[in-house]
Amino acid sequence: MTFAEFGRYPGVLYLDPQPHDPVKALTADLTQRWPELVPYRGIFGTGLDPHLTLANHEGPATQDAAYDALQAELAPLLPLRCHVDTVELIVWDGERWQSQAEYPLGRVD
C-alpha cells in the first residue's frame, strides 16, 4: 500500500491509500456478510473512499490552518509505503474508539 497524497473531507485530513481496490473489496465483502453493519452507519451513502485519517478534531475556525501546518510537516515523509498484513476492527463506544478485534490478512505474492 502506498500513501503519496493528502486529501480532505469536511473536518478531516487524510492520506489516500493506493491502490483503492483491495480496501474497497474488503469493505464490500464485510458489508455483504454483515449488511446491518454498514460503514459509518450509512451516513455517507455508499461510503467514503478508502482513507487513513490523520486528523479530525479541529473546528471549522481552526481546521484549515492546523491541517495546512500538519500537512506541511508530514509532506517530506511521503510517499509512505507499507505492507498491510492485518486489519483492526475498531468501534465507537459512545465516548471513544476502542479496538475490538484484529484479523490477519492472507499474503498475496
N, C-alpha and C. Protein backbone atom coordinates (compact mmCIF):
# COMPACT_ATOMS: atom_id res chain seq x y z
N MET A 1 0.87 -1.16 0.00
CA MET A 1 0.00 0.00 0.00
C MET A 1 0.92 1.22 0.00
N THR A 2 0.54 2.20 -0.78
CA THR A 2 1.31 3.44 -0.87
C THR A 2 0.42 4.62 -0.49
N PHE A 3 0.95 5.48 0.33
CA PHE A 3 0.27 6.72 0.72
C PHE A 3 1.13 7.87 0.20
N ALA A 4 0.70 8.50 -0.88
CA ALA A 4 1.51 9.54 -1.51
C ALA A 4 0.83 10.89 -1.56
N GLU A 5 -0.48 10.92 -1.28
CA GLU A 5 -1.21 12.18 -1.40
C GLU A 5 -2.13 12.39 -0.21
N PHE A 6 -2.26 13.67 0.15
CA PHE A 6 -3.20 14.06 1.18
C PHE A 6 -4.56 14.32 0.54
N GLY A 7 -5.58 14.21 1.34
CA GLY A 7 -6.91 14.58 0.92
C GLY A 7 -7.66 15.15 2.11
N ARG A 8 -8.79 15.76 1.83
CA ARG A 8 -9.60 16.32 2.92
C ARG A 8 -11.07 16.07 2.66
N TYR A 9 -11.73 15.64 3.70
CA TYR A 9 -13.18 15.66 3.78
C TYR A 9 -13.49 16.81 4.73
N PRO A 10 -14.71 17.29 4.79
CA PRO A 10 -15.01 18.35 5.76
C PRO A 10 -14.58 17.95 7.17
N GLY A 11 -13.63 18.69 7.72
CA GLY A 11 -13.16 18.45 9.08
C GLY A 11 -12.13 17.35 9.22
N VAL A 12 -11.68 16.75 8.12
CA VAL A 12 -10.78 15.59 8.19
C VAL A 12 -9.61 15.78 7.22
N LEU A 13 -8.40 15.53 7.74
CA LEU A 13 -7.20 15.45 6.91
C LEU A 13 -6.83 13.97 6.84
N TYR A 14 -6.58 13.47 5.62
CA TYR A 14 -6.28 12.05 5.49
C TYR A 14 -5.22 11.80 4.43
N LEU A 15 -4.68 10.58 4.44
CA LEU A 15 -3.82 10.11 3.38
C LEU A 15 -4.64 9.17 2.49
N ASP A 16 -4.39 9.26 1.20
CA ASP A 16 -5.10 8.47 0.21
C ASP A 16 -4.30 7.20 -0.08
N PRO A 17 -4.83 6.02 0.27
CA PRO A 17 -4.10 4.77 0.01
C PRO A 17 -4.26 4.34 -1.45
N GLN A 18 -3.19 3.88 -2.03
CA GLN A 18 -3.23 3.34 -3.39
C GLN A 18 -2.62 1.95 -3.37
N PRO A 19 -3.18 0.98 -3.97
CA PRO A 19 -4.41 1.04 -4.74
C PRO A 19 -5.65 0.98 -3.83
N HIS A 20 -6.76 1.53 -4.32
CA HIS A 20 -8.03 1.52 -3.57
C HIS A 20 -8.72 0.16 -3.62
N ASP A 21 -8.57 -0.55 -4.73
CA ASP A 21 -9.38 -1.74 -4.98
C ASP A 21 -9.34 -2.79 -3.86
N PRO A 22 -8.18 -3.14 -3.28
CA PRO A 22 -8.20 -4.14 -2.21
C PRO A 22 -9.00 -3.69 -0.98
N VAL A 23 -8.92 -2.41 -0.65
CA VAL A 23 -9.65 -1.89 0.51
C VAL A 23 -11.15 -1.87 0.20
N LYS A 24 -11.50 -1.45 -0.99
CA LYS A 24 -12.92 -1.45 -1.38
C LYS A 24 -13.49 -2.86 -1.41
N ALA A 25 -12.70 -3.83 -1.89
CA ALA A 25 -13.17 -5.21 -1.94
C ALA A 25 -13.38 -5.75 -0.53
N LEU A 26 -12.48 -5.45 0.38
CA LEU A 26 -12.63 -5.89 1.77
C LEU A 26 -13.89 -5.28 2.39
N THR A 27 -14.10 -4.00 2.16
CA THR A 27 -15.29 -3.33 2.70
C THR A 27 -16.56 -3.94 2.11
N ALA A 28 -16.56 -4.20 0.81
CA ALA A 28 -17.74 -4.80 0.17
C ALA A 28 -18.02 -6.19 0.73
N ASP A 29 -16.97 -6.98 0.92
CA ASP A 29 -17.14 -8.33 1.48
C ASP A 29 -17.72 -8.27 2.89
N LEU A 30 -17.20 -7.37 3.72
CA LEU A 30 -17.70 -7.25 5.10
C LEU A 30 -19.14 -6.76 5.12
N THR A 31 -19.47 -5.81 4.25
CA THR A 31 -20.83 -5.28 4.20
C THR A 31 -21.81 -6.34 3.70
N GLN A 32 -21.35 -7.18 2.76
CA GLN A 32 -22.22 -8.26 2.27
C GLN A 32 -22.46 -9.29 3.38
N ARG A 33 -21.42 -9.58 4.14
CA ARG A 33 -21.56 -10.57 5.21
C ARG A 33 -22.42 -10.07 6.36
N TRP A 34 -22.24 -8.78 6.72
CA TRP A 34 -23.00 -8.18 7.81
C TRP A 34 -23.67 -6.89 7.30
N PRO A 35 -24.75 -7.01 6.53
CA PRO A 35 -25.38 -5.83 5.92
C PRO A 35 -25.93 -4.84 6.94
N GLU A 36 -26.18 -5.27 8.15
CA GLU A 36 -26.68 -4.36 9.18
C GLU A 36 -25.57 -3.49 9.76
N LEU A 37 -24.34 -3.76 9.41
CA LEU A 37 -23.20 -3.01 9.94
C LEU A 37 -22.47 -2.27 8.83
N VAL A 38 -23.18 -1.39 8.15
CA VAL A 38 -22.56 -0.64 7.05
C VAL A 38 -21.58 0.38 7.61
N PRO A 39 -20.52 0.66 6.86
CA PRO A 39 -19.53 1.64 7.34
C PRO A 39 -20.17 2.99 7.65
N TYR A 40 -19.76 3.56 8.75
CA TYR A 40 -20.22 4.88 9.19
C TYR A 40 -21.73 4.95 9.34
N ARG A 41 -22.33 3.81 9.67
CA ARG A 41 -23.78 3.70 9.87
C ARG A 41 -24.56 4.17 8.64
N GLY A 42 -23.90 4.19 7.48
CA GLY A 42 -24.57 4.56 6.24
C GLY A 42 -24.77 6.04 6.02
N ILE A 43 -24.23 6.89 6.92
CA ILE A 43 -24.49 8.33 6.79
C ILE A 43 -23.80 8.96 5.57
N PHE A 44 -22.84 8.24 4.97
CA PHE A 44 -22.17 8.75 3.77
C PHE A 44 -22.62 8.00 2.52
N GLY A 45 -23.82 7.46 2.55
CA GLY A 45 -24.35 6.74 1.39
C GLY A 45 -23.59 5.47 1.14
N THR A 46 -23.07 5.31 -0.07
CA THR A 46 -22.36 4.09 -0.42
C THR A 46 -20.98 4.03 0.22
N GLY A 47 -20.61 5.06 0.93
CA GLY A 47 -19.34 5.04 1.66
C GLY A 47 -18.35 6.06 1.16
N LEU A 48 -17.39 6.30 1.99
CA LEU A 48 -16.28 7.18 1.64
C LEU A 48 -15.24 6.37 0.88
N ASP A 49 -14.44 7.05 0.10
CA ASP A 49 -13.31 6.37 -0.50
C ASP A 49 -12.37 5.92 0.61
N PRO A 50 -11.60 4.86 0.38
CA PRO A 50 -10.64 4.42 1.40
C PRO A 50 -9.71 5.58 1.77
N HIS A 51 -9.39 5.67 3.05
CA HIS A 51 -8.52 6.74 3.52
C HIS A 51 -7.93 6.38 4.88
N LEU A 52 -6.82 7.03 5.20
CA LEU A 52 -6.18 6.90 6.51
C LEU A 52 -6.30 8.26 7.18
N THR A 53 -7.16 8.35 8.18
CA THR A 53 -7.40 9.63 8.86
C THR A 53 -6.16 10.03 9.65
N LEU A 54 -5.72 11.26 9.44
CA LEU A 54 -4.60 11.82 10.20
C LEU A 54 -5.08 12.76 11.29
N ALA A 55 -6.14 13.52 11.01
CA ALA A 55 -6.64 14.49 11.99
C ALA A 55 -8.12 14.74 11.71
N ASN A 56 -8.89 14.88 12.79
CA ASN A 56 -10.31 15.20 12.62
C ASN A 56 -10.91 15.89 13.83
N HIS A 57 -10.08 16.57 14.61
CA HIS A 57 -10.58 17.18 15.83
C HIS A 57 -10.62 18.70 15.81
N GLU A 58 -10.19 19.30 14.72
CA GLU A 58 -10.20 20.76 14.65
C GLU A 58 -11.58 21.26 14.27
N GLY A 59 -11.94 22.40 14.81
CA GLY A 59 -13.22 23.02 14.46
C GLY A 59 -13.11 23.83 13.19
N PRO A 60 -14.24 24.26 12.63
CA PRO A 60 -14.24 24.99 11.37
C PRO A 60 -13.36 26.24 11.38
N ALA A 61 -13.25 26.90 12.51
CA ALA A 61 -12.48 28.16 12.56
C ALA A 61 -10.98 27.93 12.52
N THR A 62 -10.51 26.73 12.91
CA THR A 62 -9.07 26.49 13.01
C THR A 62 -8.56 25.36 12.13
N GLN A 63 -9.46 24.59 11.52
CA GLN A 63 -9.01 23.39 10.83
C GLN A 63 -8.10 23.67 9.63
N ASP A 64 -8.39 24.67 8.83
CA ASP A 64 -7.55 24.90 7.66
C ASP A 64 -6.11 25.20 8.04
N ALA A 65 -5.90 26.10 8.98
CA ALA A 65 -4.53 26.44 9.40
C ALA A 65 -3.85 25.25 10.06
N ALA A 66 -4.56 24.54 10.93
CA ALA A 66 -3.98 23.40 11.63
C ALA A 66 -3.64 22.28 10.65
N TYR A 67 -4.54 21.98 9.72
CA TYR A 67 -4.30 20.90 8.78
C TYR A 67 -3.25 21.29 7.74
N ASP A 68 -3.22 22.55 7.35
CA ASP A 68 -2.15 23.02 6.46
C ASP A 68 -0.79 22.81 7.11
N ALA A 69 -0.67 23.16 8.40
CA ALA A 69 0.60 23.00 9.12
C ALA A 69 0.98 21.53 9.24
N LEU A 70 0.04 20.68 9.58
CA LEU A 70 0.32 19.25 9.72
C LEU A 70 0.71 18.65 8.37
N GLN A 71 0.02 19.04 7.34
CA GLN A 71 0.33 18.54 6.00
C GLN A 71 1.73 18.97 5.58
N ALA A 72 2.10 20.22 5.85
CA ALA A 72 3.44 20.71 5.51
C ALA A 72 4.51 19.94 6.28
N GLU A 73 4.23 19.61 7.53
CA GLU A 73 5.19 18.87 8.35
C GLU A 73 5.38 17.44 7.86
N LEU A 74 4.30 16.81 7.42
CA LEU A 74 4.36 15.41 7.02
C LEU A 74 4.72 15.19 5.55
N ALA A 75 4.53 16.18 4.71
CA ALA A 75 4.76 16.04 3.27
C ALA A 75 6.15 15.50 2.92
N PRO A 76 7.22 15.94 3.61
CA PRO A 76 8.54 15.41 3.25
C PRO A 76 8.69 13.90 3.51
N LEU A 77 7.81 13.31 4.28
CA LEU A 77 7.89 11.88 4.59
C LEU A 77 7.21 11.01 3.52
N LEU A 78 6.50 11.65 2.59
CA LEU A 78 5.78 10.89 1.58
C LEU A 78 6.64 10.68 0.34
N PRO A 79 6.45 9.61 -0.41
CA PRO A 79 5.41 8.62 -0.21
C PRO A 79 5.78 7.64 0.91
N LEU A 80 4.77 7.21 1.60
CA LEU A 80 4.90 6.20 2.64
C LEU A 80 4.43 4.88 2.03
N ARG A 81 5.28 3.87 2.11
CA ARG A 81 4.92 2.55 1.57
C ARG A 81 4.92 1.55 2.71
N CYS A 82 3.90 0.71 2.73
CA CYS A 82 3.83 -0.28 3.80
C CYS A 82 3.11 -1.53 3.31
N HIS A 83 3.38 -2.61 3.98
CA HIS A 83 2.68 -3.86 3.72
C HIS A 83 1.59 -3.99 4.77
N VAL A 84 0.36 -4.19 4.34
CA VAL A 84 -0.75 -4.34 5.26
C VAL A 84 -1.01 -5.83 5.44
N ASP A 85 -0.77 -6.32 6.67
CA ASP A 85 -0.97 -7.75 6.91
C ASP A 85 -2.05 -8.05 7.94
N THR A 86 -2.62 -7.01 8.54
CA THR A 86 -3.73 -7.20 9.46
C THR A 86 -4.72 -6.04 9.31
N VAL A 87 -5.94 -6.31 9.69
CA VAL A 87 -6.98 -5.28 9.73
C VAL A 87 -7.50 -5.27 11.15
N GLU A 88 -7.66 -4.09 11.71
CA GLU A 88 -8.16 -3.95 13.07
C GLU A 88 -9.57 -3.39 13.03
N LEU A 89 -10.47 -4.07 13.73
CA LEU A 89 -11.83 -3.59 13.86
C LEU A 89 -11.89 -2.69 15.09
N ILE A 90 -12.28 -1.43 14.87
CA ILE A 90 -12.45 -0.52 15.99
C ILE A 90 -13.90 -0.07 16.03
N VAL A 91 -14.41 0.12 17.22
CA VAL A 91 -15.81 0.52 17.39
C VAL A 91 -15.89 1.73 18.31
N TRP A 92 -16.89 2.54 18.07
CA TRP A 92 -17.17 3.72 18.89
C TRP A 92 -18.07 3.27 20.03
N ASP A 93 -17.64 3.47 21.27
CA ASP A 93 -18.44 3.02 22.41
C ASP A 93 -19.31 4.14 22.98
N GLY A 94 -19.40 5.25 22.26
CA GLY A 94 -20.17 6.38 22.72
C GLY A 94 -19.30 7.48 23.32
N GLU A 95 -18.07 7.11 23.67
CA GLU A 95 -17.13 8.08 24.24
C GLU A 95 -15.81 8.11 23.49
N ARG A 96 -15.37 6.94 23.02
CA ARG A 96 -14.10 6.88 22.31
C ARG A 96 -14.05 5.63 21.45
N TRP A 97 -13.08 5.61 20.53
CA TRP A 97 -12.87 4.44 19.69
C TRP A 97 -12.10 3.40 20.48
N GLN A 98 -12.51 2.15 20.36
CA GLN A 98 -11.86 1.05 21.07
C GLN A 98 -11.57 -0.09 20.09
N SER A 99 -10.42 -0.71 20.26
CA SER A 99 -10.08 -1.88 19.46
C SER A 99 -10.97 -3.04 19.87
N GLN A 100 -11.58 -3.67 18.88
CA GLN A 100 -12.49 -4.78 19.15
C GLN A 100 -11.86 -6.12 18.77
N ALA A 101 -11.17 -6.14 17.62
CA ALA A 101 -10.58 -7.39 17.15
C ALA A 101 -9.53 -7.07 16.08
N GLU A 102 -8.63 -8.03 15.87
CA GLU A 102 -7.61 -7.90 14.84
C GLU A 102 -7.67 -9.15 13.97
N TYR A 103 -7.59 -8.94 12.64
CA TYR A 103 -7.71 -10.04 11.71
C TYR A 103 -6.50 -10.06 10.78
N PRO A 104 -5.78 -11.18 10.75
CA PRO A 104 -4.67 -11.28 9.80
C PRO A 104 -5.20 -11.45 8.38
N LEU A 105 -4.49 -10.87 7.44
CA LEU A 105 -4.86 -10.99 6.03
C LEU A 105 -3.98 -12.04 5.37
N GLY A 106 -4.52 -12.70 4.37
CA GLY A 106 -3.71 -13.66 3.61
C GLY A 106 -2.69 -12.92 2.79
N ARG A 107 -1.57 -13.53 2.57
CA ARG A 107 -0.49 -12.91 1.81
C ARG A 107 -0.65 -13.20 0.32
N VAL A 108 -0.56 -12.16 -0.49
CA VAL A 108 -0.60 -12.31 -1.94
C VAL A 108 0.76 -11.92 -2.47
N ASP A 109 1.40 -12.84 -3.17
CA ASP A 109 2.73 -12.56 -3.74
C ASP A 109 2.68 -12.34 -5.23
